[in-house]
C-alpha atoms as a PDB file:
ATOM      1  CA  UNK A   1     103.431  89.623 123.213  1.00  0.00           C
ATOM      2  CA  UNK A   2     106.383  91.535 124.595  1.00  0.00           C
ATOM      3  CA  UNK A   3     108.348  94.146 122.663  1.00  0.00           C
ATOM      4  CA  UNK A   4     111.641  92.306 122.242  1.00  0.00           C
ATOM      5  CA  UNK A   5     109.942  89.139 121.001  1.00  0.00           C
ATOM      6  CA  UNK A   6     107.884  91.149 118.536  1.00  0.00           C
ATOM      7  CA  UNK A   7     110.925  92.977 117.153  1.00  0.00           C
ATOM      8  CA  UNK A   8     112.827  89.713 116.756  1.00  0.00           C
ATOM      9  CA  UNK A   9     109.928  88.182 114.787  1.00  0.00           C
ATOM     10  CA  UNK A  10     109.946  90.945 112.168  1.00  0.00           C
ATOM     11  CA  UNK A  11     111.980  90.320 109.013  1.00  0.00           C
ATOM     12  CA  UNK A  12     115.573  91.453 109.300  1.00  0.00           C
ATOM     13  CA  UNK A  13     115.484  93.066 105.842  1.00  0.00           C
ATOM     14  CA  UNK A  14     112.900  95.601 107.028  1.00  0.00           C
ATOM     15  CA  UNK A  15     115.127  97.139 109.668  1.00  0.00           C
ATOM     16  CA  UNK A  16     118.645  96.630 108.376  1.00  0.00           C
ATOM     17  CA  UNK A  17     119.554 100.248 109.107  1.00  0.00           C
ATOM     18  CA  UNK A  18     118.743 100.343 112.826  1.00  0.00           C
ATOM     19  CA  UNK A  19     119.993  98.742 116.008  1.00  0.00           C
ATOM     20  CA  UNK A  20     117.192  96.429 117.103  1.00  0.00           C
ATOM     21  CA  UNK A  21     118.329  96.468 120.715  1.00  0.00           C
ATOM     22  CA  UNK A  22     117.631 100.224 120.863  1.00  0.00           C
ATOM     23  CA  UNK A  23     114.292  99.999 119.035  1.00  0.00           C
ATOM     24  CA  UNK A  24     111.040 100.436 120.954  1.00  0.00           C
ATOM     25  CA  UNK A  25     107.803  99.123 119.419  1.00  0.00           C
ATOM     26  CA  UNK A  26     105.607 101.753 121.066  1.00  0.00           C
ATOM     27  CA  UNK A  27     107.895 104.739 120.612  1.00  0.00           C
ATOM     28  CA  UNK A  28     108.715 103.985 116.961  1.00  0.00           C
ATOM     29  CA  UNK A  29     105.315 102.766 115.736  1.00  0.00           C
ATOM     30  CA  UNK A  30     105.236 105.471 113.078  1.00  0.00           C
ATOM     31  CA  UNK A  31     108.379 103.944 111.516  1.00  0.00           C
ATOM     32  CA  UNK A  32     107.471 100.281 111.948  1.00  0.00           C
ATOM     33  CA  UNK A  33     103.933 100.231 110.583  1.00  0.00           C
ATOM     34  CA  UNK A  34     104.587 101.812 107.151  1.00  0.00           C
ATOM     35  CA  UNK A  35     107.682  99.679 106.557  1.00  0.00           C
ATOM     36  CA  UNK A  36     105.788  96.507 107.327  1.00  0.00           C
ATOM     37  CA  UNK A  37     102.851  97.582 105.165  1.00  0.00           C
ATOM     38  CA  UNK A  38     104.981  98.538 102.187  1.00  0.00           C
ATOM     39  CA  UNK A  39     107.837  96.024 102.351  1.00  0.00           C
ATOM     40  CA  UNK A  40     106.902  93.304 104.833  1.00  0.00           C
ATOM     41  CA  UNK A  41     105.518  89.845 104.269  1.00  0.00           C
ATOM     42  CA  UNK A  42     102.377  88.245 105.670  1.00  0.00           C
ATOM     43  CA  UNK A  43     104.113  87.093 108.865  1.00  0.00           C
ATOM     44  CA  UNK A  44     105.316  90.649 109.527  1.00  0.00           C
ATOM     45  CA  UNK A  45     101.767  91.923 109.056  1.00  0.00           C
ATOM     46  CA  UNK A  46     100.400  89.344 111.493  1.00  0.00           C
ATOM     47  CA  UNK A  47     103.047  90.276 114.044  1.00  0.00           C
ATOM     48  CA  UNK A  48     102.211  93.982 114.077  1.00  0.00           C
ATOM     49  CA  UNK A  49      98.488  93.236 113.957  1.00  0.00           C
ATOM     50  CA  UNK A  50      98.833  91.078 117.080  1.00  0.00           C
ATOM     51  CA  UNK A  51     100.948  93.689 118.842  1.00  0.00           C
ATOM     52  CA  UNK A  52      99.206  96.947 117.920  1.00  0.00           C
ATOM     53  CA  UNK A  53      95.732  95.888 116.870  1.00  0.00           C
ATOM     54  CA  UNK A  54      93.900  97.205 113.819  1.00  0.00           C
ATOM     55  CA  UNK A  55      92.697 100.400 115.512  1.00  0.00           C
ATOM     56  CA  UNK A  56      96.235 101.557 116.364  1.00  0.00           C
ATOM     57  CA  UNK A  57      97.514 100.682 112.876  1.00  0.00           C
ATOM     58  CA  UNK A  58      94.712 102.694 111.264  1.00  0.00           C
ATOM     59  CA  UNK A  59      95.343 105.601 113.634  1.00  0.00           C
ATOM     60  CA  UNK A  60      99.026 105.715 112.672  1.00  0.00           C
ATOM     61  CA  UNK A  61      98.292 105.322 108.953  1.00  0.00           C
ATOM     62  CA  UNK A  62      95.850 108.228 109.026  1.00  0.00           C
ATOM     63  CA  UNK A  63      98.703 110.534 110.073  1.00  0.00           C
ATOM     64  CA  UNK A  64     101.279 109.387 107.492  1.00  0.00           C
ATOM     65  CA  UNK A  65     102.271 111.858 104.774  1.00  0.00           C
ATOM     66  CA  UNK A  66     102.973 109.115 102.263  1.00  0.00           C
ATOM     67  CA  UNK A  67     101.777 105.561 101.874  1.00  0.00           C
ATOM     68  CA  UNK A  68     101.763 103.338  98.842  1.00  0.00           C
ATOM     69  CA  UNK A  69      98.331 103.414  97.123  1.00  0.00           C
ATOM     70  CA  UNK A  70      98.016  99.638  97.354  1.00  0.00           C
ATOM     71  CA  UNK A  71      98.752  99.726 101.095  1.00  0.00           C
ATOM     72  CA  UNK A  72      96.247 102.527 101.535  1.00  0.00           C
ATOM     73  CA  UNK A  73      93.569 100.499  99.763  1.00  0.00           C
ATOM     74  CA  UNK A  74      94.430  97.456 101.878  1.00  0.00           C
ATOM     75  CA  UNK A  75      94.092  99.372 105.149  1.00  0.00           C
ATOM     76  CA  UNK A  76      90.854 101.004 104.002  1.00  0.00           C
ATOM     77  CA  UNK A  77      89.383  97.636 103.046  1.00  0.00           C
ATOM     78  CA  UNK A  78      90.336  95.976 106.321  1.00  0.00           C
ATOM     79  CA  UNK A  79      89.176  98.819 108.537  1.00  0.00           C
ATOM     80  CA  UNK A  80      86.109  99.846 106.479  1.00  0.00           C
ATOM     81  CA  UNK A  81      87.309 103.445 106.283  1.00  0.00           C
ATOM     82  CA  UNK A  82      87.427 105.898 103.395  1.00  0.00           C
ATOM     83  CA  UNK A  83      90.623 107.026 101.690  1.00  0.00           C
ATOM     84  CA  UNK A  84      89.644 110.650 102.280  1.00  0.00           C
ATOM     85  CA  UNK A  85      90.222 110.175 106.023  1.00  0.00           C
ATOM     86  CA  UNK A  86      93.946 109.604 105.461  1.00  0.00           C
ATOM     87  CA  UNK A  87      96.488 112.398 105.286  1.00  0.00           C
ATOM     88  CA  UNK A  88      98.482 110.678 102.540  1.00  0.00           C
ATOM     89  CA  UNK A  89      95.436 110.790 100.272  1.00  0.00           C
ATOM     90  CA  UNK A  90      95.371 114.586 100.392  1.00  0.00           C
ATOM     91  CA  UNK A  91      99.153 115.049 100.185  1.00  0.00           C
ATOM     92  CA  UNK A  92      99.584 112.819  97.173  1.00  0.00           C
ATOM     93  CA  UNK A  93     102.474 114.058  95.051  1.00  0.00           C
ATOM     94  CA  UNK A  94     101.378 115.368  91.706  1.00  0.00           C
ATOM     95  CA  UNK A  95     102.894 113.872  88.583  1.00  0.00           C
ATOM     96  CA  UNK A  96     105.498 116.391  87.388  1.00  0.00           C
ATOM     97  CA  UNK A  97     105.740 117.144  83.688  1.00  0.00           C
ATOM     98  CA  UNK A  98     109.083 116.723  82.027  1.00  0.00           C
ATOM     99  CA  UNK A  99     109.129 120.191  80.560  1.00  0.00           C
ATOM    100  CA  UNK A 100     106.944 123.160  81.128  1.00  0.00           C
ATOM    101  CA  UNK A 101     106.205 124.267  77.596  1.00  0.00           C
END
């Protein structure tokens, strides 16, 4: 699957803030994969899975600072990896208290 066809198959609501003609699937994988995981539908997931493959998606997700816990569990289940291998698991934002009393 070529890059321009892949970009055109992704939902338009995912990338409303960018110019799709300037977007490169390989260069901007770190922006595409988390958006599709967190906000995309099943067709978007299938599109990036066909283009990147599961190994590349897991590799990118392991380097992300933040990822929704449900998406993290989904990736871990599909790839048979542990959550501890992912950067976002260790950089999870702590729940702030309203007042320090």
